[in-house]
Amino acid sequence: MSRTHLACLVVIAVAVAIGAQWGGRVGVGTASGALLGGAVALASHGLLGRSLKAEFETALAALLGAAALKLLVLFAAWAALTFVPALGQVADVAAFLLAYAAAILVVLGVGSFDHLRALAPKASATEPGESLL
């Protein structure tokens, strides 16, 4: 299990604990926003992780596709919470959107370090103590 998966689990657990503490519509919005944000962020992380070792164009397409997926899910969830009265009565839209964005940002930040670690060369180009100049 990578650091990204652990970060996602921690974000979801914290959001659910905060949502349980707040209760009501705000609590449901917080918990569901973090859950959906974590799921979308992990899906995007996996999509990008598979394409990093490929050509540049493939990795760029995966990065743009992941960003589009996050925005599409965000828009669909906002529209559902705003225009479906039954959903709007259960979860607060603002709490949902803030928790969604927070989960995406945390998982994206930790996932970036995992991707950098995966792309780092295994051996150093210079010997210890040597200068590049």
N, C-alpha and C. Protein backbone atom coordinates (compact mmCIF):
# COMPACT_ATOMS: atom_id res chain seq x y z
N MET A 1 0.85 -1.16 0.00
CA MET A 1 0.00 0.00 0.00
C MET A 1 0.90 1.24 0.00
N SER A 2 0.66 2.13 -0.93
CA SER A 2 1.52 3.30 -1.07
C SER A 2 1.10 4.41 -0.11
N ARG A 3 1.91 5.44 -0.05
CA ARG A 3 1.58 6.60 0.78
C ARG A 3 0.30 7.27 0.31
N THR A 4 0.05 7.22 -0.98
CA THR A 4 -1.15 7.85 -1.52
C THR A 4 -2.40 7.16 -1.00
N HIS A 5 -2.39 5.84 -0.98
CA HIS A 5 -3.54 5.10 -0.46
C HIS A 5 -3.76 5.39 1.02
N LEU A 6 -2.65 5.43 1.77
CA LEU A 6 -2.77 5.74 3.20
C LEU A 6 -3.29 7.15 3.43
N ALA A 7 -2.80 8.11 2.63
CA ALA A 7 -3.27 9.49 2.76
C ALA A 7 -4.76 9.58 2.45
N CYS A 8 -5.20 8.85 1.46
CA CYS A 8 -6.62 8.85 1.11
C CYS A 8 -7.46 8.28 2.24
N LEU A 9 -7.02 7.19 2.82
CA LEU A 9 -7.75 6.59 3.95
C LEU A 9 -7.80 7.53 5.14
N VAL A 10 -6.69 8.23 5.41
CA VAL A 10 -6.65 9.17 6.53
C VAL A 10 -7.60 10.33 6.28
N VAL A 11 -7.59 10.88 5.07
CA VAL A 11 -8.47 12.00 4.73
C VAL A 11 -9.93 11.59 4.88
N ILE A 12 -10.28 10.42 4.39
CA ILE A 12 -11.66 9.96 4.50
C ILE A 12 -12.05 9.73 5.96
N ALA A 13 -11.15 9.13 6.74
CA ALA A 13 -11.45 8.89 8.16
C ALA A 13 -11.63 10.20 8.92
N VAL A 14 -10.77 11.18 8.65
CA VAL A 14 -10.89 12.48 9.33
C VAL A 14 -12.18 13.18 8.92
N ALA A 15 -12.50 13.12 7.64
CA ALA A 15 -13.73 13.77 7.17
C ALA A 15 -14.98 13.11 7.75
N VAL A 16 -14.97 11.80 7.85
CA VAL A 16 -16.12 11.10 8.44
C VAL A 16 -16.22 11.43 9.93
N ALA A 17 -15.09 11.52 10.62
CA ALA A 17 -15.12 11.89 12.04
C ALA A 17 -15.65 13.31 12.22
N ILE A 18 -15.20 14.22 11.37
CA ILE A 18 -15.69 15.61 11.44
C ILE A 18 -17.18 15.65 11.09
N GLY A 19 -17.56 14.91 10.07
CA GLY A 19 -18.97 14.87 9.69
C GLY A 19 -19.85 14.29 10.78
N ALA A 20 -19.36 13.28 11.47
CA ALA A 20 -20.14 12.70 12.57
C ALA A 20 -20.24 13.68 13.73
N GLN A 21 -19.20 14.44 13.95
CA GLN A 21 -19.22 15.44 15.01
C GLN A 21 -20.22 16.56 14.70
N TRP A 22 -20.20 17.04 13.46
CA TRP A 22 -21.11 18.12 13.06
C TRP A 22 -22.54 17.64 12.91
N GLY A 23 -22.71 16.47 12.32
CA GLY A 23 -24.03 15.91 12.13
C GLY A 23 -24.87 16.69 11.13
N GLY A 24 -26.05 16.19 10.85
CA GLY A 24 -26.99 16.87 9.96
C GLY A 24 -26.52 16.91 8.52
N ARG A 25 -27.03 17.89 7.78
CA ARG A 25 -26.72 18.05 6.36
C ARG A 25 -25.24 18.35 6.14
N VAL A 26 -24.67 19.16 7.02
CA VAL A 26 -23.26 19.54 6.87
C VAL A 26 -22.36 18.32 7.08
N GLY A 27 -22.68 17.50 8.05
CA GLY A 27 -21.90 16.29 8.30
C GLY A 27 -21.97 15.31 7.15
N VAL A 28 -23.16 15.12 6.61
CA VAL A 28 -23.32 14.22 5.46
C VAL A 28 -22.58 14.77 4.25
N GLY A 29 -22.66 16.07 4.02
CA GLY A 29 -21.94 16.68 2.91
C GLY A 29 -20.44 16.54 3.04
N THR A 30 -19.94 16.72 4.25
CA THR A 30 -18.50 16.59 4.49
C THR A 30 -18.03 15.16 4.25
N ALA A 31 -18.72 14.21 4.82
CA ALA A 31 -18.31 12.81 4.67
C ALA A 31 -18.43 12.33 3.23
N SER A 32 -19.53 12.66 2.57
CA SER A 32 -19.71 12.18 1.19
C SER A 32 -18.77 12.90 0.22
N GLY A 33 -18.49 14.17 0.45
CA GLY A 33 -17.56 14.89 -0.41
C GLY A 33 -16.15 14.33 -0.32
N ALA A 34 -15.71 14.02 0.89
CA ALA A 34 -14.38 13.44 1.06
C ALA A 34 -14.30 12.03 0.48
N LEU A 35 -15.37 11.27 0.64
CA LEU A 35 -15.38 9.91 0.10
C LEU A 35 -15.31 9.92 -1.43
N LEU A 36 -16.13 10.75 -2.05
CA LEU A 36 -16.10 10.82 -3.51
C LEU A 36 -14.80 11.45 -4.01
N GLY A 37 -14.31 12.48 -3.33
CA GLY A 37 -13.05 13.10 -3.72
C GLY A 37 -11.88 12.15 -3.62
N GLY A 38 -11.85 11.37 -2.55
CA GLY A 38 -10.78 10.38 -2.40
C GLY A 38 -10.84 9.30 -3.47
N ALA A 39 -12.04 8.86 -3.80
CA ALA A 39 -12.19 7.82 -4.82
C ALA A 39 -11.75 8.34 -6.20
N VAL A 40 -12.16 9.55 -6.53
CA VAL A 40 -11.78 10.11 -7.83
C VAL A 40 -10.28 10.40 -7.88
N ALA A 41 -9.73 10.88 -6.77
CA ALA A 41 -8.29 11.16 -6.74
C ALA A 41 -7.47 9.88 -6.87
N LEU A 42 -7.90 8.80 -6.24
CA LEU A 42 -7.18 7.54 -6.38
C LEU A 42 -7.30 6.97 -7.78
N ALA A 43 -8.47 7.12 -8.39
CA ALA A 43 -8.62 6.67 -9.78
C ALA A 43 -7.71 7.47 -10.70
N SER A 44 -7.63 8.77 -10.49
CA SER A 44 -6.76 9.62 -11.30
C SER A 44 -5.29 9.28 -11.06
N HIS A 45 -4.96 9.01 -9.82
CA HIS A 45 -3.59 8.63 -9.46
C HIS A 45 -3.18 7.34 -10.17
N GLY A 46 -4.08 6.37 -10.18
CA GLY A 46 -3.79 5.11 -10.86
C GLY A 46 -3.66 5.28 -12.36
N LEU A 47 -4.52 6.10 -12.94
CA LEU A 47 -4.46 6.36 -14.38
C LEU A 47 -3.13 7.01 -14.76
N LEU A 48 -2.72 7.98 -13.99
CA LEU A 48 -1.47 8.67 -14.28
C LEU A 48 -0.27 7.79 -13.98
N GLY A 49 -0.34 7.01 -12.91
CA GLY A 49 0.78 6.14 -12.55
C GLY A 49 1.11 5.10 -13.61
N ARG A 50 0.08 4.58 -14.26
CA ARG A 50 0.31 3.58 -15.31
C ARG A 50 0.96 4.18 -16.55
N SER A 51 0.73 5.46 -16.79
CA SER A 51 1.20 6.06 -18.03
C SER A 51 2.52 6.81 -17.90
N LEU A 52 3.07 6.91 -16.70
CA LEU A 52 4.28 7.72 -16.52
C LEU A 52 5.50 7.12 -17.21
N LYS A 53 5.58 5.83 -17.27
CA LYS A 53 6.76 5.20 -17.89
C LYS A 53 6.64 5.15 -19.41
N ALA A 54 5.50 5.54 -19.95
CA ALA A 54 5.29 5.54 -21.40
C ALA A 54 5.84 6.84 -22.00
N GLU A 55 5.46 7.08 -23.21
CA GLU A 55 5.90 8.30 -23.88
C GLU A 55 5.29 9.53 -23.23
N PHE A 56 5.89 10.68 -23.52
CA PHE A 56 5.44 11.94 -22.93
C PHE A 56 3.99 12.24 -23.29
N GLU A 57 3.62 12.00 -24.54
CA GLU A 57 2.26 12.31 -24.98
C GLU A 57 1.22 11.48 -24.23
N THR A 58 1.56 10.24 -23.95
CA THR A 58 0.65 9.36 -23.21
C THR A 58 0.47 9.85 -21.78
N ALA A 59 1.57 10.24 -21.15
CA ALA A 59 1.50 10.75 -19.78
C ALA A 59 0.73 12.07 -19.72
N LEU A 60 0.95 12.93 -20.70
CA LEU A 60 0.23 14.20 -20.74
C LEU A 60 -1.27 13.98 -20.96
N ALA A 61 -1.61 13.06 -21.84
CA ALA A 61 -3.02 12.74 -22.08
C ALA A 61 -3.66 12.17 -20.81
N ALA A 62 -2.93 11.34 -20.07
CA ALA A 62 -3.46 10.79 -18.82
C ALA A 62 -3.64 11.89 -17.77
N LEU A 63 -2.70 12.83 -17.72
CA LEU A 63 -2.80 13.93 -16.77
C LEU A 63 -4.02 14.80 -17.08
N LEU A 64 -4.20 15.12 -18.34
CA LEU A 64 -5.35 15.93 -18.73
C LEU A 64 -6.66 15.18 -18.56
N GLY A 65 -6.65 13.89 -18.85
CA GLY A 65 -7.84 13.07 -18.64
C GLY A 65 -8.21 12.98 -17.17
N ALA A 66 -7.20 12.87 -16.30
CA ALA A 66 -7.47 12.82 -14.86
C ALA A 66 -8.06 14.14 -14.37
N ALA A 67 -7.54 15.26 -14.86
CA ALA A 67 -8.07 16.56 -14.47
C ALA A 67 -9.51 16.72 -14.97
N ALA A 68 -9.76 16.28 -16.18
CA ALA A 68 -11.12 16.36 -16.73
C ALA A 68 -12.08 15.47 -15.93
N LEU A 69 -11.62 14.30 -15.52
CA LEU A 69 -12.45 13.40 -14.71
C LEU A 69 -12.83 14.06 -13.39
N LYS A 70 -11.86 14.70 -12.73
CA LYS A 70 -12.13 15.37 -11.46
C LYS A 70 -13.16 16.48 -11.64
N LEU A 71 -13.02 17.27 -12.68
CA LEU A 71 -13.96 18.36 -12.92
C LEU A 71 -15.34 17.85 -13.31
N LEU A 72 -15.38 16.80 -14.11
CA LEU A 72 -16.66 16.23 -14.52
C LEU A 72 -17.44 15.67 -13.33
N VAL A 73 -16.76 14.96 -12.46
CA VAL A 73 -17.41 14.41 -11.27
C VAL A 73 -17.85 15.54 -10.35
N LEU A 74 -17.01 16.57 -10.22
CA LEU A 74 -17.38 17.72 -9.40
C LEU A 74 -18.64 18.39 -9.92
N PHE A 75 -18.70 18.62 -11.22
CA PHE A 75 -19.87 19.26 -11.81
C PHE A 75 -21.11 18.39 -11.67
N ALA A 76 -20.98 17.10 -11.91
CA ALA A 76 -22.13 16.19 -11.81
C ALA A 76 -22.65 16.12 -10.37
N ALA A 77 -21.75 16.09 -9.40
CA ALA A 77 -22.18 16.04 -8.00
C ALA A 77 -22.84 17.35 -7.59
N TRP A 78 -22.27 18.47 -8.02
CA TRP A 78 -22.88 19.77 -7.71
C TRP A 78 -24.28 19.85 -8.32
N ALA A 79 -24.42 19.44 -9.57
CA ALA A 79 -25.72 19.50 -10.23
C ALA A 79 -26.72 18.59 -9.54
N ALA A 80 -26.29 17.42 -9.14
CA ALA A 80 -27.20 16.49 -8.45
C ALA A 80 -27.64 17.06 -7.11
N LEU A 81 -26.71 17.62 -6.35
CA LEU A 81 -27.07 18.17 -5.05
C LEU A 81 -27.91 19.44 -5.16
N THR A 82 -27.72 20.18 -6.23
CA THR A 82 -28.45 21.43 -6.40
C THR A 82 -29.84 21.22 -6.99
N PHE A 83 -29.96 20.36 -7.98
CA PHE A 83 -31.20 20.25 -8.73
C PHE A 83 -32.07 19.05 -8.38
N VAL A 84 -31.57 18.15 -7.56
CA VAL A 84 -32.40 17.03 -7.08
C VAL A 84 -32.76 17.33 -5.64
N PRO A 85 -34.01 17.71 -5.38
CA PRO A 85 -34.39 18.14 -4.03
C PRO A 85 -34.13 17.10 -2.94
N ALA A 86 -34.33 15.83 -3.26
CA ALA A 86 -34.12 14.80 -2.24
C ALA A 86 -32.67 14.74 -1.80
N LEU A 87 -31.74 14.91 -2.71
CA LEU A 87 -30.32 14.93 -2.35
C LEU A 87 -29.94 16.21 -1.63
N GLY A 88 -30.49 17.32 -2.08
CA GLY A 88 -30.19 18.60 -1.45
C GLY A 88 -30.65 18.68 -0.01
N GLN A 89 -31.69 17.92 0.34
CA GLN A 89 -32.18 17.90 1.71
C GLN A 89 -31.32 17.04 2.62
N VAL A 90 -30.53 16.15 2.03
CA VAL A 90 -29.71 15.23 2.82
C VAL A 90 -28.32 15.79 3.06
N ALA A 91 -27.69 16.39 2.05
CA ALA A 91 -26.30 16.84 2.15
C ALA A 91 -26.19 18.32 1.77
N ASP A 92 -25.35 19.04 2.51
CA ASP A 92 -25.09 20.44 2.23
C ASP A 92 -24.12 20.55 1.06
N VAL A 93 -24.45 21.39 0.09
CA VAL A 93 -23.64 21.51 -1.13
C VAL A 93 -22.27 22.11 -0.82
N ALA A 94 -22.23 23.15 -0.02
CA ALA A 94 -20.96 23.82 0.28
C ALA A 94 -20.01 22.89 1.03
N ALA A 95 -20.53 22.15 2.02
CA ALA A 95 -19.69 21.21 2.76
C ALA A 95 -19.18 20.10 1.84
N PHE A 96 -20.04 19.64 0.96
CA PHE A 96 -19.64 18.61 0.00
C PHE A 96 -18.50 19.10 -0.88
N LEU A 97 -18.65 20.29 -1.46
CA LEU A 97 -17.64 20.81 -2.38
C LEU A 97 -16.32 21.08 -1.68
N LEU A 98 -16.35 21.61 -0.46
CA LEU A 98 -15.11 21.85 0.27
C LEU A 98 -14.40 20.55 0.64
N ALA A 99 -15.15 19.56 1.09
CA ALA A 99 -14.54 18.27 1.44
C ALA A 99 -14.00 17.57 0.19
N TYR A 100 -14.71 17.67 -0.92
CA TYR A 100 -14.27 17.09 -2.18
C TYR A 100 -12.93 17.71 -2.60
N ALA A 101 -12.87 19.05 -2.57
CA ALA A 101 -11.65 19.74 -2.97
C ALA A 101 -10.50 19.43 -2.03
N ALA A 102 -10.76 19.37 -0.73
CA ALA A 102 -9.70 19.07 0.23
C ALA A 102 -9.15 17.66 0.02
N ALA A 103 -10.02 16.70 -0.20
CA ALA A 103 -9.57 15.32 -0.43
C ALA A 103 -8.75 15.23 -1.71
N ILE A 104 -9.19 15.89 -2.76
CA ILE A 104 -8.46 15.88 -4.02
C ILE A 104 -7.07 16.49 -3.83
N LEU A 105 -6.99 17.62 -3.16
CA LEU A 105 -5.70 18.30 -2.99
C LEU A 105 -4.72 17.50 -2.14
N VAL A 106 -5.20 16.89 -1.07
CA VAL A 106 -4.30 16.11 -0.22
C VAL A 106 -3.80 14.87 -0.96
N VAL A 107 -4.70 14.15 -1.59
CA VAL A 107 -4.29 12.94 -2.31
C VAL A 107 -3.41 13.30 -3.50
N LEU A 108 -3.72 14.40 -4.17
CA LEU A 108 -2.91 14.85 -5.29
C LEU A 108 -1.50 15.22 -4.84
N GLY A 109 -1.39 15.90 -3.71
CA GLY A 109 -0.07 16.28 -3.20
C GLY A 109 0.78 15.08 -2.83
N VAL A 110 0.20 14.15 -2.08
CA VAL A 110 0.95 12.96 -1.69
C VAL A 110 1.23 12.09 -2.91
N GLY A 111 0.27 12.00 -3.82
CA GLY A 111 0.47 11.20 -5.03
C GLY A 111 1.57 11.74 -5.92
N SER A 112 1.75 13.06 -5.92
CA SER A 112 2.83 13.65 -6.71
C SER A 112 4.19 13.17 -6.23
N PHE A 113 4.36 13.06 -4.91
CA PHE A 113 5.62 12.55 -4.38
C PHE A 113 5.81 11.08 -4.73
N ASP A 114 4.73 10.31 -4.73
CA ASP A 114 4.85 8.91 -5.16
C ASP A 114 5.26 8.80 -6.62
N HIS A 115 4.71 9.67 -7.47
CA HIS A 115 5.08 9.65 -8.88
C HIS A 115 6.53 10.09 -9.08
N LEU A 116 6.97 11.08 -8.34
CA LEU A 116 8.37 11.51 -8.44
C LEU A 116 9.31 10.40 -7.99
N ARG A 117 8.94 9.71 -6.95
CA ARG A 117 9.76 8.61 -6.46
C ARG A 117 9.83 7.48 -7.49
N ALA A 118 8.72 7.23 -8.17
CA ALA A 118 8.70 6.17 -9.18
C ALA A 118 9.53 6.55 -10.40
N LEU A 119 9.60 7.84 -10.71
CA LEU A 119 10.36 8.29 -11.88
C LEU A 119 11.83 8.53 -11.59
N ALA A 120 12.20 8.58 -10.33
CA ALA A 120 13.60 8.87 -9.98
C ALA A 120 14.50 7.75 -10.47
N PRO A 121 15.67 8.11 -10.97
CA PRO A 121 16.60 7.07 -11.41
C PRO A 121 17.08 6.24 -10.21
N LYS A 122 17.32 4.99 -10.47
CA LYS A 122 17.74 4.08 -9.39
C LYS A 122 19.17 4.34 -8.94
N ALA A 123 20.04 4.69 -9.86
CA ALA A 123 21.45 4.93 -9.52
C ALA A 123 21.77 6.40 -9.74
N SER A 124 22.67 6.91 -8.96
CA SER A 124 23.07 8.30 -9.09
C SER A 124 23.97 8.47 -10.32
N ALA A 125 23.87 9.62 -10.96
CA ALA A 125 24.69 9.90 -12.14
C ALA A 125 26.13 10.22 -11.76
N THR A 126 26.33 10.67 -10.55
CA THR A 126 27.68 11.00 -10.09
C THR A 126 27.99 10.19 -8.84
N GLU A 127 29.25 10.05 -8.57
CA GLU A 127 29.68 9.37 -7.36
C GLU A 127 29.50 10.33 -6.18
N PRO A 128 29.33 9.80 -4.99
CA PRO A 128 29.21 10.68 -3.84
C PRO A 128 30.45 11.56 -3.71
N GLY A 129 30.23 12.80 -3.48
CA GLY A 129 31.35 13.73 -3.31
C GLY A 129 31.78 14.40 -4.60
N GLU A 130 31.36 13.90 -5.75
CA GLU A 130 31.71 14.53 -7.03
C GLU A 130 30.81 15.71 -7.30
N SER A 131 31.33 16.67 -7.99
CA SER A 131 30.56 17.84 -8.36
C SER A 131 30.09 17.69 -9.80
N LEU A 132 28.95 18.27 -10.10
CA LEU A 132 28.45 18.25 -11.47
C LEU A 132 29.18 19.27 -12.34
N LEU A 133 29.92 20.20 -11.73
CA LEU A 133 30.62 21.23 -12.51
C LEU A 133 31.92 20.76 -12.96
